[in-house]
Amino acid sequence: MGEQQRLTFARLFLNKPNYAILDEATSALDIQNGERLYQQLQASNTTFLSVGHRSTLANYHAVVLEFSQDKSWQLKSD
């Protein structure tokens, strides 16, 4: 699974899309590799939206929409 996720990022970097939607894009990778990929993505001109459970993902997003188990939600921004 980690190989597939790294391949997906390679495709993003090669194709340079304007927008990307990532769903658990680094869940099979260790935190360091996931952070490196998000740092590269952040440095690109691609606008991206991520869905994930790792709290470290928040470091790479300007706005975070957080859902709670009680069905409430909270919008957090830098």
N, C-alpha and C. Protein backbone atom coordinates (compact mmCIF):
# COMPACT_ATOMS: atom_id res chain seq x y z
N MET A 1 0.82 -1.20 0.00
CA MET A 1 0.00 0.00 0.00
C MET A 1 0.87 1.26 0.00
N GLY A 2 1.95 1.26 0.75
CA GLY A 2 2.84 2.41 0.79
C GLY A 2 3.44 2.71 -0.57
N GLU A 3 3.76 1.65 -1.31
CA GLU A 3 4.29 1.82 -2.67
C GLU A 3 3.28 2.53 -3.56
N GLN A 4 2.03 2.13 -3.46
CA GLN A 4 0.97 2.76 -4.26
C GLN A 4 0.82 4.23 -3.89
N GLN A 5 0.93 4.53 -2.61
CA GLN A 5 0.79 5.92 -2.18
C GLN A 5 1.96 6.77 -2.68
N ARG A 6 3.16 6.24 -2.63
CA ARG A 6 4.31 6.97 -3.16
C ARG A 6 4.18 7.17 -4.67
N LEU A 7 3.68 6.17 -5.36
CA LEU A 7 3.46 6.27 -6.81
C LEU A 7 2.43 7.35 -7.13
N THR A 8 1.41 7.45 -6.33
CA THR A 8 0.39 8.49 -6.52
C THR A 8 1.00 9.88 -6.39
N PHE A 9 1.86 10.06 -5.40
CA PHE A 9 2.52 11.36 -5.25
C PHE A 9 3.45 11.63 -6.42
N ALA A 10 4.15 10.61 -6.89
CA ALA A 10 5.03 10.78 -8.06
C ALA A 10 4.21 11.26 -9.26
N ARG A 11 3.04 10.70 -9.44
CA ARG A 11 2.17 11.13 -10.54
C ARG A 11 1.73 12.58 -10.37
N LEU A 12 1.43 12.95 -9.12
CA LEU A 12 1.05 14.34 -8.86
C LEU A 12 2.18 15.29 -9.23
N PHE A 13 3.40 14.95 -8.83
CA PHE A 13 4.54 15.82 -9.08
C PHE A 13 4.87 15.89 -10.57
N LEU A 14 4.68 14.80 -11.29
CA LEU A 14 4.96 14.80 -12.73
C LEU A 14 3.88 15.52 -13.53
N ASN A 15 2.61 15.28 -13.17
CA ASN A 15 1.49 15.86 -13.93
C ASN A 15 1.17 17.30 -13.55
N LYS A 16 1.55 17.70 -12.34
CA LYS A 16 1.34 19.07 -11.86
C LYS A 16 -0.08 19.57 -12.06
N PRO A 17 -1.07 18.87 -11.50
CA PRO A 17 -2.45 19.34 -11.66
C PRO A 17 -2.69 20.63 -10.86
N ASN A 18 -3.72 21.36 -11.22
CA ASN A 18 -4.07 22.56 -10.46
C ASN A 18 -4.68 22.20 -9.11
N TYR A 19 -5.42 21.08 -9.08
CA TYR A 19 -6.11 20.65 -7.86
C TYR A 19 -5.93 19.16 -7.64
N ALA A 20 -5.91 18.76 -6.37
CA ALA A 20 -5.82 17.33 -6.02
C ALA A 20 -6.63 17.08 -4.76
N ILE A 21 -7.33 15.96 -4.75
CA ILE A 21 -8.06 15.51 -3.56
C ILE A 21 -7.39 14.23 -3.10
N LEU A 22 -6.94 14.22 -1.85
CA LEU A 22 -6.18 13.11 -1.30
C LEU A 22 -6.95 12.48 -0.14
N ASP A 23 -7.21 11.20 -0.24
CA ASP A 23 -7.94 10.47 0.79
C ASP A 23 -6.99 9.47 1.46
N GLU A 24 -6.59 9.76 2.70
CA GLU A 24 -5.65 8.90 3.43
C GLU A 24 -4.41 8.62 2.58
N ALA A 25 -3.88 9.67 1.96
CA ALA A 25 -2.81 9.54 0.97
C ALA A 25 -1.49 9.05 1.54
N THR A 26 -1.28 9.18 2.85
CA THR A 26 -0.02 8.74 3.45
C THR A 26 -0.24 7.77 4.60
N SER A 27 -1.41 7.19 4.68
CA SER A 27 -1.75 6.33 5.83
C SER A 27 -0.86 5.09 5.95
N ALA A 28 -0.31 4.60 4.85
CA ALA A 28 0.53 3.40 4.88
C ALA A 28 2.02 3.75 4.98
N LEU A 29 2.33 5.03 5.04
CA LEU A 29 3.71 5.48 5.13
C LEU A 29 4.04 5.87 6.56
N ASP A 30 5.33 5.84 6.90
CA ASP A 30 5.71 6.35 8.22
C ASP A 30 5.56 7.87 8.20
N ILE A 31 5.51 8.46 9.36
CA ILE A 31 5.22 9.88 9.48
C ILE A 31 6.27 10.73 8.75
N GLN A 32 7.54 10.39 8.85
CA GLN A 32 8.59 11.17 8.20
C GLN A 32 8.43 11.21 6.69
N ASN A 33 8.19 10.06 6.08
CA ASN A 33 8.00 10.03 4.62
C ASN A 33 6.74 10.78 4.21
N GLY A 34 5.68 10.62 4.98
CA GLY A 34 4.44 11.34 4.69
C GLY A 34 4.65 12.85 4.75
N GLU A 35 5.40 13.29 5.75
CA GLU A 35 5.67 14.72 5.88
C GLU A 35 6.52 15.23 4.72
N ARG A 36 7.50 14.46 4.29
CA ARG A 36 8.32 14.88 3.15
C ARG A 36 7.47 15.06 1.89
N LEU A 37 6.56 14.12 1.67
CA LEU A 37 5.70 14.21 0.49
C LEU A 37 4.78 15.43 0.56
N TYR A 38 4.21 15.67 1.74
CA TYR A 38 3.34 16.84 1.89
C TYR A 38 4.12 18.14 1.78
N GLN A 39 5.38 18.17 2.24
CA GLN A 39 6.21 19.36 2.08
C GLN A 39 6.44 19.66 0.60
N GLN A 40 6.72 18.62 -0.18
CA GLN A 40 6.91 18.80 -1.62
C GLN A 40 5.62 19.26 -2.28
N LEU A 41 4.50 18.67 -1.87
CA LEU A 41 3.21 19.05 -2.44
C LEU A 41 2.88 20.49 -2.09
N GLN A 42 3.17 20.87 -0.87
CA GLN A 42 2.91 22.24 -0.43
C GLN A 42 3.75 23.24 -1.23
N ALA A 43 4.96 22.85 -1.61
CA ALA A 43 5.84 23.72 -2.38
C ALA A 43 5.44 23.81 -3.85
N SER A 44 4.60 22.90 -4.29
CA SER A 44 4.15 22.91 -5.69
C SER A 44 3.02 23.92 -5.85
N ASN A 45 2.56 24.09 -7.06
CA ASN A 45 1.45 25.01 -7.32
C ASN A 45 0.10 24.30 -7.29
N THR A 46 0.04 23.12 -6.74
CA THR A 46 -1.20 22.35 -6.67
C THR A 46 -1.98 22.72 -5.42
N THR A 47 -3.24 23.07 -5.59
CA THR A 47 -4.15 23.28 -4.47
C THR A 47 -4.69 21.91 -4.09
N PHE A 48 -4.60 21.55 -2.81
CA PHE A 48 -5.01 20.21 -2.42
C PHE A 48 -5.92 20.20 -1.20
N LEU A 49 -6.78 19.21 -1.18
CA LEU A 49 -7.71 18.94 -0.09
C LEU A 49 -7.40 17.53 0.38
N SER A 50 -7.23 17.36 1.68
CA SER A 50 -6.88 16.04 2.22
C SER A 50 -7.93 15.56 3.21
N VAL A 51 -8.14 14.25 3.19
CA VAL A 51 -8.94 13.58 4.21
C VAL A 51 -7.99 12.64 4.92
N GLY A 52 -7.93 12.72 6.24
CA GLY A 52 -7.01 11.84 6.96
C GLY A 52 -7.23 11.89 8.45
N HIS A 53 -6.57 10.97 9.14
CA HIS A 53 -6.70 10.87 10.58
C HIS A 53 -5.46 11.33 11.34
N ARG A 54 -4.35 11.48 10.65
CA ARG A 54 -3.12 11.89 11.32
C ARG A 54 -3.16 13.38 11.66
N SER A 55 -2.85 13.68 12.90
CA SER A 55 -2.86 15.09 13.33
C SER A 55 -1.76 15.88 12.64
N THR A 56 -0.70 15.22 12.18
CA THR A 56 0.40 15.92 11.52
C THR A 56 -0.02 16.53 10.18
N LEU A 57 -1.10 16.05 9.58
CA LEU A 57 -1.58 16.61 8.31
C LEU A 57 -1.97 18.08 8.46
N ALA A 58 -2.40 18.47 9.63
CA ALA A 58 -2.83 19.85 9.85
C ALA A 58 -1.71 20.84 9.57
N ASN A 59 -0.47 20.41 9.73
CA ASN A 59 0.68 21.29 9.50
C ASN A 59 0.78 21.74 8.05
N TYR A 60 0.13 21.06 7.14
CA TYR A 60 0.27 21.33 5.71
C TYR A 60 -0.99 21.92 5.09
N HIS A 61 -1.92 22.36 5.93
CA HIS A 61 -3.19 22.90 5.45
C HIS A 61 -3.48 24.24 6.12
N ALA A 62 -4.01 25.18 5.37
CA ALA A 62 -4.37 26.49 5.92
C ALA A 62 -5.66 26.42 6.72
N VAL A 63 -6.57 25.52 6.34
CA VAL A 63 -7.86 25.38 7.01
C VAL A 63 -8.11 23.89 7.27
N VAL A 64 -8.62 23.59 8.48
CA VAL A 64 -8.92 22.20 8.85
C VAL A 64 -10.38 22.13 9.28
N LEU A 65 -11.11 21.21 8.69
CA LEU A 65 -12.49 20.93 9.08
C LEU A 65 -12.45 19.66 9.91
N GLU A 66 -12.74 19.79 11.20
CA GLU A 66 -12.63 18.66 12.13
C GLU A 66 -14.02 18.20 12.57
N PHE A 67 -14.27 16.91 12.38
CA PHE A 67 -15.54 16.30 12.79
C PHE A 67 -15.35 15.55 14.11
N SER A 68 -16.37 15.61 14.97
CA SER A 68 -16.34 14.89 16.24
C SER A 68 -17.34 13.75 16.21
N GLN A 69 -17.18 12.81 17.13
CA GLN A 69 -18.07 11.66 17.17
C GLN A 69 -19.51 12.05 17.49
N ASP A 70 -19.70 13.19 18.17
CA ASP A 70 -21.07 13.63 18.49
C ASP A 70 -21.73 14.36 17.32
N LYS A 71 -21.14 14.23 16.13
CA LYS A 71 -21.65 14.81 14.88
C LYS A 71 -21.50 16.32 14.81
N SER A 72 -20.75 16.91 15.71
CA SER A 72 -20.46 18.33 15.61
C SER A 72 -19.19 18.50 14.77
N TRP A 73 -18.94 19.71 14.34
CA TRP A 73 -17.75 19.98 13.55
C TRP A 73 -17.20 21.34 13.93
N GLN A 74 -15.95 21.55 13.57
CA GLN A 74 -15.27 22.78 13.91
C GLN A 74 -14.32 23.12 12.77
N LEU A 75 -14.32 24.38 12.38
CA LEU A 75 -13.43 24.88 11.33
C LEU A 75 -12.28 25.60 12.00
N LYS A 76 -11.06 25.16 11.72
CA LYS A 76 -9.87 25.77 12.30
C LYS A 76 -9.01 26.32 11.19
N SER A 77 -8.50 27.53 11.40
CA SER A 77 -7.60 28.11 10.38
C SER A 77 -6.39 28.72 11.08
N ASP A 78 -5.33 28.90 10.29
CA ASP A 78 -4.09 29.48 10.84
C ASP A 78 -4.29 30.90 11.28
